[in-house]
Amino acid sequence: MRASVLLVVGASVAVVGTVAVLGATGTKQIAASQSPSSARLTLPVPPQCPSTVQPPHHLTLSTERGSKMALTDSCAYAPAGEDFTITFENEVVALSDGKGTYQNLSIYADQDSAITLISPDEFAVDQKKALFVGEDVLGPGEIVYRVPALPAGTYYVQSDSAADQLVATLVVE
């Protein structure tokens, strides 16, 4: 049986700093957003999510265009031991020109597996440590990911190119 999760990200991006994404093909530098008033990178704290009696087979997360760049819901749920799908709607556009940006969703065991701090204003994402890496989609756009079954547990979800902003917790039960 397949379950579905719908994740929507949205809005505008201010770009300063860098993120290194380490994939199967090596490292690529990707712009990372930071608060202009801060010289230090601040990573988000993964949200604590309550358990559910039964995880839903379809979850919708959405944002309004023009809101700050974030996933609209910080908690997502999927059934344990079953393949599931994630419908990812990328609404992220750049502040500078209003053009869409590439985003993806990846699933990691935890934030420490996903992100390594290199310096106070730079971090690296190692996709080799991901349990699932979704394909990039240009915003505004949508893609359906087919995720293999995961054991019960709590997982860290992020867009690898905006790992300092687009994050959520996936509870598999």
C-alpha atoms as a PDB file:
ATOM      1  CA  MET A   1       0.000   0.000   0.000  1.00  0.00           C
ATOM      2  CA  ARG A   2       1.232   3.527  -0.775  1.00  0.00           C
ATOM      3  CA  ALA A   3       0.522   6.549   1.363  1.00  0.00           C
ATOM      4  CA  SER A   4       0.822  10.150   0.198  1.00  0.00           C
ATOM      5  CA  VAL A   5       2.242  13.244   1.822  1.00  0.00           C
ATOM      6  CA  LEU A   6       1.887  16.673   0.170  1.00  0.00           C
ATOM      7  CA  LEU A   7       4.575  19.220   1.044  1.00  0.00           C
ATOM      8  CA  VAL A   8       4.412  22.760  -0.300  1.00  0.00           C
ATOM      9  CA  VAL A   9       7.133  25.357   0.125  1.00  0.00           C
ATOM     10  CA  GLY A  10       6.810  28.894  -0.826  1.00  0.00           C
ATOM     11  CA  ALA A  11       7.836  32.339  -1.372  1.00  0.00           C
ATOM     12  CA  SER A  12      10.800  34.638  -1.527  1.00  0.00           C
ATOM     13  CA  VAL A  13      14.470  34.064  -0.923  1.00  0.00           C
ATOM     14  CA  ALA A  14      17.211  36.489   0.102  1.00  0.00           C
ATOM     15  CA  VAL A  15      20.575  34.982  -0.769  1.00  0.00           C
ATOM     16  CA  VAL A  16      23.856  35.398   1.154  1.00  0.00           C
ATOM     17  CA  GLY A  17      26.513  32.794   2.060  1.00  0.00           C
ATOM     18  CA  THR A  18      27.059  29.288   0.679  1.00  0.00           C
ATOM     19  CA  VAL A  19      26.025  25.689   1.172  1.00  0.00           C
ATOM     20  CA  ALA A  20      28.082  22.796  -0.103  1.00  0.00           C
ATOM     21  CA  VAL A  21      25.973  19.842  -1.241  1.00  0.00           C
ATOM     22  CA  LEU A  22      27.926  16.601  -1.382  1.00  0.00           C
ATOM     23  CA  GLY A  23      26.250  14.118  -3.704  1.00  0.00           C
ATOM     24  CA  ALA A  24      27.267  11.085  -5.671  1.00  0.00           C
ATOM     25  CA  THR A  25      28.955  13.370  -8.203  1.00  0.00           C
ATOM     26  CA  GLY A  26      30.926  15.381  -5.642  1.00  0.00           C
ATOM     27  CA  THR A  27      30.449  18.834  -4.155  1.00  0.00           C
ATOM     28  CA  LYS A  28      28.532  21.738  -5.615  1.00  0.00           C
ATOM     29  CA  GLN A  29      28.219  25.182  -4.094  1.00  0.00           C
ATOM     30  CA  ILE A  30      24.666  26.411  -3.595  1.00  0.00           C
ATOM     31  CA  ALA A  31      23.570  29.776  -2.226  1.00  0.00           C
ATOM     32  CA  ALA A  32      22.300  29.707   1.348  1.00  0.00           C
ATOM     33  CA  SER A  33      20.072  32.357   2.801  1.00  0.00           C
ATOM     34  CA  GLN A  34      20.966  34.183   5.964  1.00  0.00           C
ATOM     35  CA  SER A  35      19.502  37.036   7.868  1.00  0.00           C
ATOM     36  CA  PRO A  36      21.234  40.203   6.636  1.00  0.00           C
ATOM     37  CA  SER A  37      21.573  41.368  10.257  1.00  0.00           C
ATOM     38  CA  SER A  38      23.451  38.227  11.288  1.00  0.00           C
ATOM     39  CA  ALA A  39      27.014  37.288  10.447  1.00  0.00           C
ATOM     40  CA  ARG A  40      26.558  33.749  11.808  1.00  0.00           C
ATOM     41  CA  LEU A  41      24.569  30.947  10.276  1.00  0.00           C
ATOM     42  CA  THR A  42      21.694  29.757  12.447  1.00  0.00           C
ATOM     43  CA  LEU A  43      20.327  26.332  11.656  1.00  0.00           C
ATOM     44  CA  PRO A  44      16.685  25.607  12.457  1.00  0.00           C
ATOM     45  CA  VAL A  45      15.790  23.433  15.425  1.00  0.00           C
ATOM     46  CA  PRO A  46      13.956  20.307  14.248  1.00  0.00           C
ATOM     47  CA  PRO A  47      10.400  20.436  15.601  1.00  0.00           C
ATOM     48  CA  GLN A  48       9.139  17.937  18.155  1.00  0.00           C
ATOM     49  CA  CYS A  49       6.009  16.274  16.785  1.00  0.00           C
ATOM     50  CA  PRO A  50       3.336  14.440  18.762  1.00  0.00           C
ATOM     51  CA  SER A  51       2.399  10.879  17.846  1.00  0.00           C
ATOM     52  CA  THR A  52      -0.823  10.162  16.024  1.00  0.00           C
ATOM     53  CA  VAL A  53      -3.190   7.255  16.509  1.00  0.00           C
ATOM     54  CA  GLN A  54      -2.877   6.406  12.812  1.00  0.00           C
ATOM     55  CA  PRO A  55      -0.728   8.359  10.358  1.00  0.00           C
ATOM     56  CA  PRO A  56      -2.756   9.871   7.520  1.00  0.00           C
ATOM     57  CA  HIS A  57      -2.185   8.609   4.012  1.00  0.00           C
ATOM     58  CA  HIS A  58      -2.259  12.135   2.619  1.00  0.00           C
ATOM     59  CA  LEU A  59      -0.970  15.344   4.214  1.00  0.00           C
ATOM     60  CA  THR A  60      -1.201  18.811   2.691  1.00  0.00           C
ATOM     61  CA  LEU A  61       1.299  21.522   3.643  1.00  0.00           C
ATOM     62  CA  SER A  62       1.026  24.900   1.937  1.00  0.00           C
ATOM     63  CA  THR A  63       2.185  28.510   2.014  1.00  0.00           C
ATOM     64  CA  GLU A  64       0.967  31.695   0.432  1.00  0.00           C
ATOM     65  CA  ARG A  65       3.161  33.210  -2.255  1.00  0.00           C
ATOM     66  CA  GLY A  66       5.271  36.005  -0.837  1.00  0.00           C
ATOM     67  CA  SER A  67       5.573  34.555   2.669  1.00  0.00           C
ATOM     68  CA  LYS A  68       8.987  33.814   4.142  1.00  0.00           C
ATOM     69  CA  MET A  69      10.694  30.735   2.756  1.00  0.00           C
ATOM     70  CA  ALA A  70       9.539  27.813   4.916  1.00  0.00           C
ATOM     71  CA  LEU A  71       7.620  24.591   4.825  1.00  0.00           C
ATOM     72  CA  THR A  72       4.077  25.395   5.915  1.00  0.00           C
ATOM     73  CA  ASP A  73       3.858  22.564   8.391  1.00  0.00           C
ATOM     74  CA  SER A  74       6.798  21.424  10.443  1.00  0.00           C
ATOM     75  CA  CYS A  75       5.408  17.926  11.117  1.00  0.00           C
ATOM     76  CA  ALA A  76       4.573  15.275   8.516  1.00  0.00           C
ATOM     77  CA  TYR A  77       3.425  11.706   9.115  1.00  0.00           C
ATOM     78  CA  ALA A  78       3.739   8.448   7.153  1.00  0.00           C
ATOM     79  CA  PRO A  79       2.941   4.797   7.921  1.00  0.00           C
ATOM     80  CA  ALA A  80       5.806   2.548   9.065  1.00  0.00           C
ATOM     81  CA  GLY A  81       6.871  -0.346   6.886  1.00  0.00           C
ATOM     82  CA  GLU A  82       4.965   0.874   3.803  1.00  0.00           C
ATOM     83  CA  ASP A  83       6.114   2.626   0.649  1.00  0.00           C
ATOM     84  CA  PHE A  84       4.614   6.100   0.421  1.00  0.00           C
ATOM     85  CA  THR A  85       4.556   9.088  -1.903  1.00  0.00           C
ATOM     86  CA  ILE A  86       5.328  12.711  -1.240  1.00  0.00           C
ATOM     87  CA  THR A  87       3.814  15.332  -3.506  1.00  0.00           C
ATOM     88  CA  PHE A  88       6.214  18.252  -3.292  1.00  0.00           C
ATOM     89  CA  GLU A  89       5.030  21.646  -4.546  1.00  0.00           C
ATOM     90  CA  ASN A  90       7.878  24.127  -4.867  1.00  0.00           C
ATOM     91  CA  GLU A  91       6.588  27.727  -4.785  1.00  0.00           C
ATOM     92  CA  VAL A  92       9.963  29.304  -3.952  1.00  0.00           C
ATOM     93  CA  VAL A  93      10.947  32.340  -6.032  1.00  0.00           C
ATOM     94  CA  ALA A  94      13.951  34.643  -5.733  1.00  0.00           C
ATOM     95  CA  LEU A  95      13.427  38.150  -4.350  1.00  0.00           C
ATOM     96  CA  SER A  96      15.811  39.645  -6.888  1.00  0.00           C
ATOM     97  CA  ASP A  97      13.934  38.708 -10.059  1.00  0.00           C
ATOM     98  CA  GLY A  98      10.862  36.654  -9.116  1.00  0.00           C
ATOM     99  CA  LYS A  99      12.156  33.621 -11.004  1.00  0.00           C
ATOM    100  CA  GLY A 100      11.687  30.150  -9.597  1.00  0.00           C
ATOM    101  CA  THR A 101      14.459  28.351  -7.743  1.00  0.00           C
ATOM    102  CA  TYR A 102      15.366  24.681  -7.672  1.00  0.00           C
ATOM    103  CA  GLN A 103      14.437  22.842  -4.476  1.00  0.00           C
ATOM    104  CA  ASN A 104      14.138  19.199  -3.448  1.00  0.00           C
ATOM    105  CA  LEU A 105      13.251  17.175  -0.391  1.00  0.00           C
ATOM    106  CA  SER A 106      15.578  14.659   1.238  1.00  0.00           C
ATOM    107  CA  ILE A 107      15.033  12.459   4.286  1.00  0.00           C
ATOM    108  CA  TYR A 108      17.792  11.909   6.849  1.00  0.00           C
ATOM    109  CA  ALA A 109      17.977   9.993  10.127  1.00  0.00           C
ATOM    110  CA  ASP A 110      18.520  13.318  11.941  1.00  0.00           C
ATOM    111  CA  GLN A 111      19.871  16.837  11.444  1.00  0.00           C
ATOM    112  CA  ASP A 112      23.410  15.791  12.412  1.00  0.00           C
ATOM    113  CA  SER A 113      23.381  13.296   9.516  1.00  0.00           C
ATOM    114  CA  ALA A 114      22.177  15.981   7.113  1.00  0.00           C
ATOM    115  CA  ILE A 115      24.324  18.996   7.950  1.00  0.00           C
ATOM    116  CA  THR A 116      27.962  19.558   8.864  1.00  0.00           C
ATOM    117  CA  LEU A 117      29.038  23.023   9.994  1.00  0.00           C
ATOM    118  CA  ILE A 118      32.206  24.077   8.196  1.00  0.00           C
ATOM    119  CA  SER A 119      32.524  27.580   9.652  1.00  0.00           C
ATOM    120  CA  PRO A 120      30.249  30.070  11.460  1.00  0.00           C
ATOM    121  CA  ASP A 121      28.646  31.045   8.133  1.00  0.00           C
ATOM    122  CA  GLU A 122      28.991  27.912   5.989  1.00  0.00           C
ATOM    123  CA  PHE A 123      27.765  24.337   6.134  1.00  0.00           C
ATOM    124  CA  ALA A 124      27.796  21.222   3.976  1.00  0.00           C
ATOM    125  CA  VAL A 125      25.003  18.793   3.121  1.00  0.00           C
ATOM    126  CA  ASP A 126      26.167  15.215   2.471  1.00  0.00           C
ATOM    127  CA  GLN A 127      23.504  13.526   0.357  1.00  0.00           C
ATOM    128  CA  LYS A 128      25.338  10.209   0.730  1.00  0.00           C
ATOM    129  CA  LYS A 129      23.961  10.085   4.282  1.00  0.00           C
ATOM    130  CA  ALA A 130      20.362  10.579   3.119  1.00  0.00           C
ATOM    131  CA  LEU A 131      17.833   7.788   3.408  1.00  0.00           C
ATOM    132  CA  PHE A 132      16.025   9.333   0.432  1.00  0.00           C
ATOM    133  CA  VAL A 133      17.017  12.135  -1.972  1.00  0.00           C
ATOM    134  CA  GLY A 134      14.279  13.676  -4.083  1.00  0.00           C
ATOM    135  CA  GLU A 135      14.923  15.163  -7.493  1.00  0.00           C
ATOM    136  CA  ASP A 136      15.182  18.968  -7.769  1.00  0.00           C
ATOM    137  CA  VAL A 137      12.086  20.717  -9.107  1.00  0.00           C
ATOM    138  CA  LEU A 138      12.074  24.275 -10.494  1.00  0.00           C
ATOM    139  CA  GLY A 139       9.505  26.508  -8.817  1.00  0.00           C
ATOM    140  CA  PRO A 140       6.766  27.047  -9.278  1.00  0.00           C
ATOM    141  CA  GLY A 141       6.459  23.333  -9.900  1.00  0.00           C
ATOM    142  CA  GLU A 142       5.394  19.995  -8.507  1.00  0.00           C
ATOM    143  CA  ILE A 143       6.881  16.512  -8.342  1.00  0.00           C
ATOM    144  CA  VAL A 144       5.759  13.219  -6.815  1.00  0.00           C
ATOM    145  CA  TYR A 145       8.440  11.278  -4.942  1.00  0.00           C
ATOM    146  CA  ARG A 146       8.086   7.543  -4.340  1.00  0.00           C
ATOM    147  CA  VAL A 147       9.719   6.825  -0.985  1.00  0.00           C
ATOM    148  CA  PRO A 148      10.615   3.269   0.016  1.00  0.00           C
ATOM    149  CA  ALA A 149       9.263   1.980   3.319  1.00  0.00           C
ATOM    150  CA  LEU A 150      10.942   3.349   6.441  1.00  0.00           C
ATOM    151  CA  PRO A 151      10.923   1.730   9.881  1.00  0.00           C
ATOM    152  CA  ALA A 152       9.011   3.457  12.670  1.00  0.00           C
ATOM    153  CA  GLY A 153      10.895   6.477  13.934  1.00  0.00           C
ATOM    154  CA  THR A 154      11.406  10.223  13.664  1.00  0.00           C
ATOM    155  CA  TYR A 155      13.267  11.567  10.625  1.00  0.00           C
ATOM    156  CA  TYR A 156      14.657  14.920   9.479  1.00  0.00           C
ATOM    157  CA  VAL A 157      13.386  16.356   6.164  1.00  0.00           C
ATOM    158  CA  GLN A 158      15.048  19.239   4.316  1.00  0.00           C
ATOM    159  CA  SER A 159      15.560  20.831   0.957  1.00  0.00           C
ATOM    160  CA  ASP A 160      19.261  20.265   0.409  1.00  0.00           C
ATOM    161  CA  SER A 161      19.728  23.632  -1.295  1.00  0.00           C
ATOM    162  CA  ALA A 162      17.939  25.523   1.511  1.00  0.00           C
ATOM    163  CA  ALA A 163      18.808  23.359   4.493  1.00  0.00           C
ATOM    164  CA  ASP A 164      18.916  26.387   6.773  1.00  0.00           C
ATOM    165  CA  GLN A 165      15.233  27.161   6.123  1.00  0.00           C
ATOM    166  CA  LEU A 166      13.201  24.395   4.462  1.00  0.00           C
ATOM    167  CA  VAL A 167      13.012  21.737   7.161  1.00  0.00           C
ATOM    168  CA  ALA A 168      10.418  19.489   8.767  1.00  0.00           C
ATOM    169  CA  THR A 169      10.140  16.422  10.952  1.00  0.00           C
ATOM    170  CA  LEU A 170       8.736  13.202   9.485  1.00  0.00           C
ATOM    171  CA  VAL A 171       7.144  10.869  12.038  1.00  0.00           C
ATOM    172  CA  VAL A 172       6.825   7.314  10.729  1.00  0.00           C
ATOM    173  CA  GLU A 173       4.596   5.130  12.881  1.00  0.00           C
END
